[in-house]
Amino acid sequence: MSVKFLKNSGLVLLTILVLVAWVMLPWSGALVLVVLMGLWLFLTRSGAQARSVTSVGISTLGQRLGSSAVIVVGIAGVVGVLVALLAMAEGYAQTLRNSGSADTAIVMRGASAAEVTSSLSREDVVQIEQTPGIARNVKGEPVVSAETVVAANLPIKGSKTNEEGSAQVRGVSDAAFAVRPNVKIIEGRSFQPGLRELVIGKGAVRQFAGLTVGATLKLGNQPWTVVGVFASGDAMESELWADANVVNDSYGRGGGRNSATVKLTSAAEFGSFKSKLEANPQLKVTASTTLEFFAKQSENMTQVLRIIGITVGAIMAVGAVFGALNTMFAAVASRSREIATLRAIGFRGMPVIVAVMLETTLLALLGGLIGGIAAWLLFNGFEASTMAANSVGKLSFNLAVSPGLLWEGIKWALAIGFVGGLFPALRAATLPVTSALREL
């Protein structure tokens, strides 16, 4: 095994380790690195040499505008696509996280992962309502909404083939609005108990056709009237709400429910409430805060969306790296005599390496900023929908380009610039001076 091969293998391994560490680095760590680099550039002789070589290289970017644009545009495309795809995962997770709170709890049949697989009898609901720790309204009644979840097929808005999608219908009690005070009627009115009336989340209005106030729908082979539209800023906006007793009658569900959502006297009461529920020999249920419940519901889909985003971004990044390599190798070749002259008059190899790396990094940073800003302008708040995990209906959500995602995109851009500039920089620093001076 040759010494050259060992050196190359070691360099590749070191590069991989640096990239892994960089991807995991928080913005505060990057700030420390920038400060340290600045101190080296302005307080040391080698740093001054690196600044000198860098300034010369930057001053010639106008002469290499086309080749430099290859790096900027390539990296901007990678960052833009990556951030847009990750914004789907972020928006999906945010929507579900917003659906819960620490002072409300959801009770389901033991070992049930979701409402659709849970069932509670009428006696179970009575036992749950009697558990200490539940808040009470002005009438002294426990604030508990025992709820039924069913599916309904509705025509998708904008479909030219009359395609239908699955919507989640939630049968609720009067306490549903007390348990979820963020739910507000924004058009029409709320449904009247005992009647086949619906209030529709504004997310469902965006997804499905015909969901206007006054419209009639057929659910469970019965006609229902839409009487209102509500907003909540969370996953509930994708649902259709109605009186639980009427939903059960229409779908032949008897007196049972899928779950019970309760308002606790305080977030600190949850541990005691959960212990008392699970210690009750007449019940076989489990409880979790709605905050925890919806966070778990988002985990799998969020992970899938992130994997898709990172995979697509990685494939595009490979192309961007090769583009940067070609551009920087060409730039180093065109400046080989200049670099050799600098080395001949006393410039060391390290300042040359840093100078080439800084030039590539600046181009990569510019591309990353352009890609991140473009993704934010085009996709932040963009409406999307998908099947929610462990649900019977589609979930409507908005893509969210958060500062964290923008920072992640910048890190990817700088990583591409690092790889794209490293090997050309090493070539510039190790090119024999006599050979470079003889080149045209």
Protein backbone atom coordinates (compact mmCIF):
# COMPACT_ATOMS: atom_id res chain seq x y z
CA MET A 1 0.00 0.00 0.00
CA SER A 2 1.60 3.27 -1.13
CA VAL A 3 2.26 6.25 1.13
CA LYS A 4 0.25 8.47 -1.25
CA PHE A 5 -2.77 6.21 -0.95
CA LEU A 6 -2.55 6.29 2.85
CA LYS A 7 -2.32 10.09 2.82
CA ASN A 8 -5.32 10.41 0.51
CA SER A 9 -7.34 7.95 2.59
CA GLY A 10 -6.45 9.83 5.75
CA LEU A 11 -7.45 13.14 4.16
CA VAL A 12 -10.82 11.78 3.03
CA LEU A 13 -11.49 10.33 6.49
CA LEU A 14 -10.52 13.60 8.16
CA THR A 15 -12.78 15.53 5.76
CA ILE A 16 -15.71 13.26 6.60
CA LEU A 17 -15.13 13.71 10.34
CA VAL A 18 -14.96 17.49 9.94
CA LEU A 19 -18.20 17.52 7.94
CA VAL A 20 -20.01 15.38 10.53
CA ALA A 21 -18.85 17.69 13.32
CA TRP A 22 -19.85 20.75 11.28
CA VAL A 23 -23.38 19.47 10.57
CA MET A 24 -23.91 18.92 14.31
CA LEU A 25 -22.51 22.34 15.26
CA PRO A 26 -24.95 24.92 16.71
CA TRP A 27 -24.82 28.51 15.52
CA SER A 28 -23.00 29.56 18.70
CA GLY A 29 -20.19 27.13 17.91
CA ALA A 30 -19.93 28.51 14.38
CA LEU A 31 -19.70 32.02 15.83
CA VAL A 32 -16.77 30.94 18.00
CA LEU A 33 -15.01 29.53 14.91
CA VAL A 34 -15.56 32.80 13.02
CA VAL A 35 -14.08 34.80 15.92
CA LEU A 36 -11.05 32.50 16.13
CA MET A 37 -10.53 32.74 12.37
CA GLY A 38 -10.78 36.51 12.54
CA LEU A 39 -8.19 36.67 15.32
CA TRP A 40 -5.81 34.47 13.30
CA LEU A 41 -6.30 36.56 10.15
CA PHE A 42 -5.65 39.90 11.85
CA LEU A 43 -3.14 39.04 14.58
CA THR A 44 -0.69 36.67 12.92
CA ARG A 45 1.76 36.94 10.06
CA SER A 46 0.32 33.88 8.34
CA GLY A 47 -3.13 35.37 8.68
CA ALA A 48 -2.00 38.61 7.07
CA GLN A 49 -0.57 36.62 4.17
CA ALA A 50 -3.86 34.73 3.83
CA ARG A 51 -5.78 38.03 3.77
CA SER A 52 -3.47 39.34 1.07
CA VAL A 53 -3.94 36.29 -1.17
CA THR A 54 -7.70 36.27 -0.52
CA SER A 55 -8.09 39.93 -1.47
CA VAL A 56 -6.32 39.30 -4.77
CA GLY A 57 -8.54 36.31 -5.51
CA ILE A 58 -11.75 38.19 -4.64
CA SER A 59 -10.71 41.14 -6.79
CA THR A 60 -10.54 38.84 -9.83
CA LEU A 61 -14.00 37.32 -9.32
CA GLY A 62 -15.41 39.77 -11.86
CA GLN A 63 -13.12 38.26 -14.47
CA ARG A 64 -14.40 34.80 -13.53
CA LEU A 65 -18.04 35.76 -13.17
CA GLY A 66 -19.43 32.85 -15.18
CA SER A 67 -17.46 30.14 -13.38
CA SER A 68 -18.11 31.73 -9.97
CA ALA A 69 -21.84 31.84 -10.75
CA VAL A 70 -21.75 28.05 -11.23
CA ILE A 71 -20.86 27.64 -7.55
CA VAL A 72 -23.35 30.22 -6.30
CA VAL A 73 -26.30 28.99 -8.38
CA GLY A 74 -25.55 25.31 -7.73
CA ILE A 75 -25.39 25.77 -3.97
CA ALA A 76 -28.42 28.08 -3.97
CA GLY A 77 -30.41 25.33 -5.68
CA VAL A 78 -29.32 22.73 -3.12
CA VAL A 79 -30.15 24.94 -0.15
CA GLY A 80 -33.46 26.09 -1.62
CA VAL A 81 -34.71 22.56 -2.25
CA LEU A 82 -33.38 21.25 1.07
CA VAL A 83 -34.98 24.01 3.13
CA ALA A 84 -38.28 23.71 1.26
CA LEU A 85 -38.48 19.96 1.87
CA LEU A 86 -37.47 20.26 5.52
CA ALA A 87 -40.05 23.04 5.91
CA MET A 88 -42.72 20.41 5.23
CA ALA A 89 -41.52 18.36 8.20
CA GLU A 90 -41.24 21.48 10.37
CA GLY A 91 -44.71 22.74 9.44
CA TYR A 92 -46.27 19.31 10.01
CA ALA A 93 -44.63 18.96 13.43
CA GLN A 94 -45.55 22.51 14.46
CA THR A 95 -49.19 21.99 13.56
CA LEU A 96 -49.45 18.88 15.72
CA ARG A 97 -47.44 20.41 18.58
CA ASN A 98 -49.83 23.37 18.60
CA SER A 99 -52.72 20.94 19.05
CA GLY A 100 -51.79 20.10 22.62
CA SER A 101 -51.09 21.71 25.97
CA ALA A 102 -49.62 20.68 29.29
CA ASP A 103 -52.85 21.29 31.26
CA THR A 104 -55.10 19.07 29.14
CA ALA A 105 -54.99 15.29 28.93
CA ILE A 106 -56.36 12.68 26.57
CA VAL A 107 -57.59 9.36 27.96
CA MET A 108 -57.83 6.26 25.77
CA ARG A 109 -58.13 2.53 26.10
CA GLY A 110 -54.88 1.03 27.44
CA ALA A 111 -52.19 0.25 24.83
CA SER A 112 -54.02 2.31 22.17
CA ALA A 113 -51.62 4.34 20.03
CA ALA A 114 -54.33 6.53 18.52
CA GLU A 115 -57.95 7.53 18.95
CA VAL A 116 -59.12 5.42 16.02
CA THR A 117 -57.93 2.23 17.75
CA SER A 118 -59.35 3.14 21.17
CA SER A 119 -62.79 2.57 22.63
CA LEU A 120 -64.37 3.73 25.87
CA SER A 121 -67.73 2.60 27.20
CA ARG A 122 -70.26 4.96 28.73
CA GLU A 123 -69.32 3.60 32.16
CA ASP A 124 -65.65 4.31 31.44
CA VAL A 125 -66.47 7.94 30.67
CA VAL A 126 -68.40 8.29 33.94
CA GLN A 127 -65.45 6.88 35.89
CA ILE A 128 -63.04 9.25 34.11
CA GLU A 129 -65.23 12.27 34.92
CA GLN A 130 -65.10 11.36 38.63
CA THR A 131 -61.30 11.26 38.78
CA PRO A 132 -59.77 14.00 40.98
CA GLY A 133 -57.66 16.63 39.22
CA ILE A 134 -60.17 17.60 36.53
CA ALA A 135 -61.19 21.25 36.31
CA ARG A 136 -64.86 22.15 36.72
CA ASN A 137 -67.01 24.80 35.05
CA VAL A 138 -69.18 27.41 36.77
CA LYS A 139 -71.92 24.79 37.19
CA GLY A 140 -69.53 22.47 39.01
CA GLU A 141 -69.44 19.99 36.11
CA PRO A 142 -66.17 18.29 35.13
CA VAL A 143 -64.67 19.77 31.93
CA VAL A 144 -64.48 16.54 29.93
CA SER A 145 -65.22 16.05 26.25
CA ALA A 146 -65.87 12.39 25.42
CA GLU A 147 -65.35 12.13 21.66
CA THR A 148 -65.96 9.85 18.70
CA VAL A 149 -63.76 9.82 15.60
CA VAL A 150 -65.04 8.55 12.24
CA ALA A 151 -64.07 8.96 8.58
CA ALA A 152 -65.98 10.55 5.73
CA ASN A 153 -65.13 10.60 2.02
CA LEU A 154 -65.51 14.08 0.53
CA PRO A 155 -64.72 15.48 -2.94
CA ILE A 156 -61.30 17.14 -3.10
CA LYS A 157 -61.37 20.79 -4.05
CA GLY A 158 -60.03 21.47 -7.54
CA SER A 159 -60.13 17.82 -8.66
CA LYS A 160 -61.19 17.43 -12.30
CA THR A 161 -61.92 13.72 -11.88
CA ASN A 162 -64.23 14.02 -8.84
CA GLU A 163 -61.53 12.43 -6.70
CA GLU A 164 -62.47 11.94 -3.06
CA GLY A 165 -60.32 12.20 0.03
CA SER A 166 -60.72 11.07 3.62
CA ALA A 167 -61.82 13.65 6.18
CA GLN A 168 -61.94 13.14 9.94
CA VAL A 169 -65.31 13.75 11.60
CA ARG A 170 -65.14 14.33 15.35
CA GLY A 171 -68.19 13.93 17.53
CA VAL A 172 -67.75 16.19 20.56
CA SER A 173 -69.62 17.31 23.65
CA ASP A 174 -70.37 20.84 24.80
CA ALA A 175 -67.10 20.80 26.78
CA ALA A 176 -65.01 20.49 23.61
CA PHE A 177 -64.74 24.27 23.27
CA ALA A 178 -63.80 24.64 26.95
CA VAL A 179 -61.11 21.99 26.65
CA ARG A 180 -59.76 23.71 23.51
CA PRO A 181 -60.27 27.45 24.07
CA ASN A 182 -58.25 28.22 20.94
CA VAL A 183 -61.10 26.91 18.76
CA LYS A 184 -63.13 29.90 17.58
CA ILE A 185 -66.13 30.10 15.26
CA ILE A 186 -65.12 32.53 12.48
CA GLU A 187 -68.17 32.14 10.25
CA GLY A 188 -71.76 31.12 10.98
CA ARG A 189 -72.47 29.52 14.36
CA SER A 190 -71.79 26.38 16.37
CA PHE A 191 -73.88 23.23 15.94
CA GLN A 192 -76.91 22.61 18.13
CA PRO A 193 -76.84 19.43 20.25
CA GLY A 194 -79.23 16.76 18.98
CA LEU A 195 -79.29 18.05 15.37
CA ARG A 196 -77.35 16.84 12.32
CA GLU A 197 -75.27 19.99 12.07
CA LEU A 198 -71.56 20.44 11.38
CA VAL A 199 -68.92 23.06 12.00
CA ILE A 200 -65.96 22.77 9.65
CA GLY A 201 -62.32 23.58 10.30
CA LYS A 202 -60.95 26.15 7.88
CA GLY A 203 -58.23 23.67 6.86
CA ALA A 204 -60.90 21.23 5.72
CA VAL A 205 -62.61 24.07 3.83
CA ARG A 206 -59.38 24.54 1.85
CA GLN A 207 -59.05 20.83 1.10
CA PHE A 208 -62.57 19.71 0.23
CA ALA A 209 -65.23 21.03 -2.13
CA GLY A 210 -68.68 22.17 -1.03
CA LEU A 211 -67.89 22.92 2.61
CA THR A 212 -69.65 26.27 2.83
CA VAL A 213 -72.06 27.51 5.44
CA GLY A 214 -75.56 26.35 4.48
CA ALA A 215 -74.33 23.42 2.35
CA THR A 216 -75.72 19.91 2.87
CA LEU A 217 -73.45 16.85 3.13
CA LYS A 218 -74.27 13.15 3.30
CA LEU A 219 -72.47 11.46 6.19
CA GLY A 220 -73.36 8.05 7.52
CA ASN A 221 -76.17 7.89 4.94
CA GLN A 222 -77.77 10.92 6.59
CA PRO A 223 -78.02 14.56 5.41
CA TRP A 224 -76.00 17.04 7.49
CA THR A 225 -76.03 20.83 7.32
CA VAL A 226 -72.89 22.95 7.57
CA VAL A 227 -73.67 25.77 10.01
CA GLY A 228 -70.26 27.23 10.79
CA VAL A 229 -66.51 27.39 10.16
CA PHE A 230 -63.93 27.40 12.95
CA ALA A 231 -60.23 28.23 13.26
CA SER A 232 -57.84 26.83 15.84
CA GLY A 233 -54.31 27.15 14.44
CA ASP A 234 -53.64 23.43 14.89
CA ALA A 235 -54.54 19.97 13.59
CA MET A 236 -58.20 20.40 14.55
CA GLU A 237 -58.66 22.78 11.61
CA SER A 238 -58.62 19.74 9.29
CA GLU A 239 -61.66 18.17 10.99
CA LEU A 240 -65.46 18.34 10.86
CA TRP A 241 -67.14 18.66 14.28
CA ALA A 242 -70.64 17.66 15.33
CA ASP A 243 -72.60 16.51 18.36
CA ALA A 244 -71.14 13.18 19.56
CA ASN A 245 -74.53 11.57 20.27
CA VAL A 246 -75.78 12.34 16.77
CA VAL A 247 -72.53 11.08 15.18
CA ASN A 248 -72.79 7.84 17.15
CA ASP A 249 -76.42 7.36 16.07
CA SER A 250 -75.61 8.01 12.41
CA TYR A 251 -72.65 5.61 12.39
CA GLY A 252 -74.15 2.97 14.68
CA ARG A 253 -71.59 3.45 17.42
CA GLY A 254 -73.94 3.04 20.39
CA GLY A 255 -73.07 4.95 23.54
CA GLY A 256 -69.30 4.46 23.48
CA ARG A 257 -66.57 6.92 22.60
CA ASN A 258 -63.02 6.71 21.24
CA SER A 259 -61.40 9.05 23.74
CA ALA A 260 -61.97 11.61 26.46
CA THR A 261 -60.13 14.93 26.50
CA VAL A 262 -60.07 16.60 29.92
CA LYS A 263 -59.11 20.00 31.29
CA LEU A 264 -56.91 19.67 34.39
CA THR A 265 -56.93 22.09 37.30
CA SER A 266 -53.25 22.72 36.48
CA ALA A 267 -50.40 21.14 34.52
CA ALA A 268 -48.88 19.98 37.82
CA GLU A 269 -51.94 17.79 38.45
CA PHE A 270 -51.28 15.50 35.48
CA GLY A 271 -49.05 13.02 37.32
CA SER A 272 -51.58 12.54 40.11
CA PHE A 273 -54.49 12.37 37.64
CA LYS A 274 -52.73 9.72 35.54
CA SER A 275 -51.83 7.63 38.61
CA LYS A 276 -55.39 7.68 39.94
CA LEU A 277 -56.82 6.69 36.54
CA GLU A 278 -54.47 3.79 36.05
CA ALA A 279 -54.93 2.62 39.62
CA ASN A 280 -58.72 2.42 39.19
CA PRO A 281 -59.56 -1.32 38.92
CA GLN A 282 -62.74 -0.51 36.98
CA LEU A 283 -60.77 1.12 34.17
CA LYS A 284 -58.22 -0.14 31.67
CA VAL A 285 -57.07 3.17 30.28
CA THR A 286 -53.97 5.25 29.78
CA ALA A 287 -53.56 9.02 29.88
CA SER A 288 -51.07 11.46 28.42
CA THR A 289 -50.98 15.21 28.12
CA THR A 290 -52.31 16.36 24.77
CA LEU A 291 -48.94 18.06 24.23
CA GLU A 292 -47.14 14.73 24.55
CA PHE A 293 -49.81 12.86 22.60
CA PHE A 294 -49.68 15.06 19.51
CA ALA A 295 -45.87 15.31 19.65
CA LYS A 296 -45.71 11.51 19.39
CA GLN A 297 -48.23 11.55 16.55
CA SER A 298 -45.89 13.78 14.55
CA GLU A 299 -42.68 11.81 15.08
CA ASN A 300 -42.93 9.19 12.33
CA MET A 301 -44.18 11.46 9.56
CA THR A 302 -41.71 14.19 10.50
CA GLN A 303 -38.88 11.69 10.35
CA VAL A 304 -39.99 10.42 6.93
CA LEU A 305 -40.23 13.96 5.54
CA ARG A 306 -36.79 14.86 6.93
CA ILE A 307 -35.23 11.72 5.44
CA ILE A 308 -36.71 12.57 2.04
CA GLY A 309 -35.43 16.16 2.29
CA ILE A 310 -31.92 15.18 3.36
CA THR A 311 -31.69 12.43 0.73
CA VAL A 312 -32.73 14.75 -2.10
CA GLY A 313 -30.46 17.48 -0.74
CA ALA A 314 -27.50 15.09 -0.51
CA ILE A 315 -27.95 13.95 -4.12
CA MET A 316 -28.06 17.55 -5.31
CA ALA A 317 -25.12 18.44 -3.06
CA VAL A 318 -22.90 15.89 -4.82
CA GLY A 319 -23.50 17.69 -8.11
CA ALA A 320 -22.82 21.06 -6.49
CA VAL A 321 -19.55 19.77 -5.01
CA PHE A 322 -18.31 18.62 -8.41
CA GLY A 323 -19.28 21.98 -9.87
CA ALA A 324 -17.32 23.76 -7.15
CA LEU A 325 -14.34 21.45 -7.60
CA ASN A 326 -14.20 22.06 -11.34
CA THR A 327 -14.53 25.82 -10.89
CA MET A 328 -11.91 26.11 -8.15
CA PHE A 329 -9.43 23.79 -9.90
CA ALA A 330 -9.77 26.01 -12.97
CA ALA A 331 -9.32 29.12 -10.81
CA VAL A 332 -6.19 27.69 -9.17
CA ALA A 333 -4.79 26.67 -12.55
CA SER A 334 -5.32 30.18 -13.96
CA ARG A 335 -3.52 31.68 -10.96
CA SER A 336 -0.79 29.05 -10.64
CA ARG A 337 2.04 31.42 -11.62
CA GLU A 338 0.74 34.08 -9.22
CA ILE A 339 0.52 31.59 -6.36
CA ALA A 340 3.98 30.18 -7.17
CA THR A 341 5.44 33.68 -7.16
CA LEU A 342 3.94 34.36 -3.74
CA ARG A 343 5.38 31.13 -2.39
CA ALA A 344 8.77 31.92 -3.93
CA ILE A 345 8.97 35.23 -2.06
CA GLY A 346 8.16 33.66 1.29
CA PHE A 347 4.42 32.92 1.49
CA ARG A 348 3.83 29.59 3.23
CA GLY A 349 1.45 26.87 2.13
CA MET A 350 -1.10 27.40 4.92
CA PRO A 351 -2.03 31.00 3.96
CA VAL A 352 -2.51 29.84 0.36
CA ILE A 353 -4.79 27.00 1.45
CA VAL A 354 -6.82 29.32 3.69
CA ALA A 355 -7.08 31.94 0.94
CA VAL A 356 -8.51 29.51 -1.60
CA MET A 357 -10.85 28.05 1.05
CA LEU A 358 -12.07 31.52 2.06
CA GLU A 359 -12.84 32.41 -1.53
CA THR A 360 -14.89 29.24 -2.00
CA THR A 361 -16.56 29.71 1.38
CA LEU A 362 -17.67 33.23 0.52
CA LEU A 363 -19.19 32.03 -2.76
CA ALA A 364 -20.88 29.15 -0.91
CA LEU A 365 -22.22 31.53 1.76
CA LEU A 366 -23.66 33.77 -0.95
CA GLY A 367 -25.33 30.78 -2.60
CA GLY A 368 -26.67 29.56 0.75
CA LEU A 369 -28.17 32.96 1.57
CA ILE A 370 -29.80 33.23 -1.87
CA GLY A 371 -31.23 29.69 -1.60
CA GLY A 372 -32.48 30.20 1.97
CA ILE A 373 -34.12 33.56 1.22
CA ALA A 374 -35.74 32.14 -1.93
CA ALA A 375 -37.14 29.18 0.05
CA TRP A 376 -38.48 31.52 2.72
CA LEU A 377 -40.13 33.85 0.21
CA LEU A 378 -41.67 31.03 -1.86
CA PHE A 379 -42.59 28.39 0.70
CA ASN A 380 -42.96 29.85 4.19
CA GLY A 381 -46.67 29.58 4.99
CA PHE A 382 -47.37 27.55 1.84
CA GLU A 383 -50.43 25.34 2.39
CA ALA A 384 -50.07 21.57 2.11
CA SER A 385 -51.88 18.48 3.32
CA THR A 386 -51.11 14.85 3.94
CA MET A 387 -52.53 11.86 5.73
CA ALA A 388 -51.87 12.35 9.44
CA ALA A 389 -50.19 9.49 11.26
CA ASN A 390 -52.66 7.19 13.04
CA SER A 391 -55.58 9.21 11.68
CA VAL A 392 -58.53 8.59 9.38
CA GLY A 393 -58.34 11.93 7.57
CA LYS A 394 -56.02 14.37 5.90
CA LEU A 395 -54.12 16.94 7.91
CA SER A 396 -53.83 20.46 6.52
CA PHE A 397 -50.73 22.41 7.54
CA ASN A 398 -48.48 25.28 6.45
CA LEU A 399 -44.83 24.87 5.55
CA ALA A 400 -42.62 26.60 8.13
CA VAL A 401 -39.20 27.96 7.15
CA SER A 402 -37.83 28.57 10.64
CA PRO A 403 -34.51 30.25 11.56
CA GLY A 404 -33.24 26.81 12.51
CA LEU A 405 -33.89 25.50 9.01
CA LEU A 406 -32.20 28.53 7.45
CA TRP A 407 -29.15 27.88 9.61
CA GLU A 408 -29.21 24.22 8.57
CA GLY A 409 -29.25 25.31 4.91
CA ILE A 410 -26.31 27.68 5.50
CA LYS A 411 -24.35 24.85 7.12
CA TRP A 412 -24.97 22.66 4.08
CA ALA A 413 -23.83 25.46 1.79
CA LEU A 414 -20.61 25.99 3.73
CA ALA A 415 -19.99 22.24 3.85
CA ILE A 416 -20.27 22.07 0.06
CA GLY A 417 -17.93 25.04 -0.22
CA PHE A 418 -15.47 23.38 2.16
CA VAL A 419 -15.28 20.16 0.14
CA GLY A 420 -15.30 22.04 -3.16
CA GLY A 421 -12.40 24.26 -2.12
CA LEU A 422 -10.28 21.87 -0.05
CA PHE A 423 -8.66 19.80 -2.77
CA PRO A 424 -7.99 22.74 -5.15
CA ALA A 425 -6.49 24.58 -2.17
CA LEU A 426 -4.19 21.67 -1.36
CA ARG A 427 -3.11 21.52 -4.99
CA ALA A 428 -2.31 25.23 -4.99
CA ALA A 429 -0.24 24.87 -1.82
CA THR A 430 1.69 21.78 -2.96
CA LEU A 431 2.26 22.63 -6.62
CA PRO A 432 6.04 22.72 -7.25
CA VAL A 433 7.13 26.35 -7.58
CA THR A 434 9.42 25.71 -10.53
CA SER A 435 6.70 23.83 -12.47
CA ALA A 436 4.12 26.55 -11.81
CA LEU A 437 6.46 29.34 -12.94
CA ARG A 438 7.01 27.58 -16.24
CA GLU A 439 3.23 27.40 -16.95
CA LEU A 440 1.71 29.96 -19.32
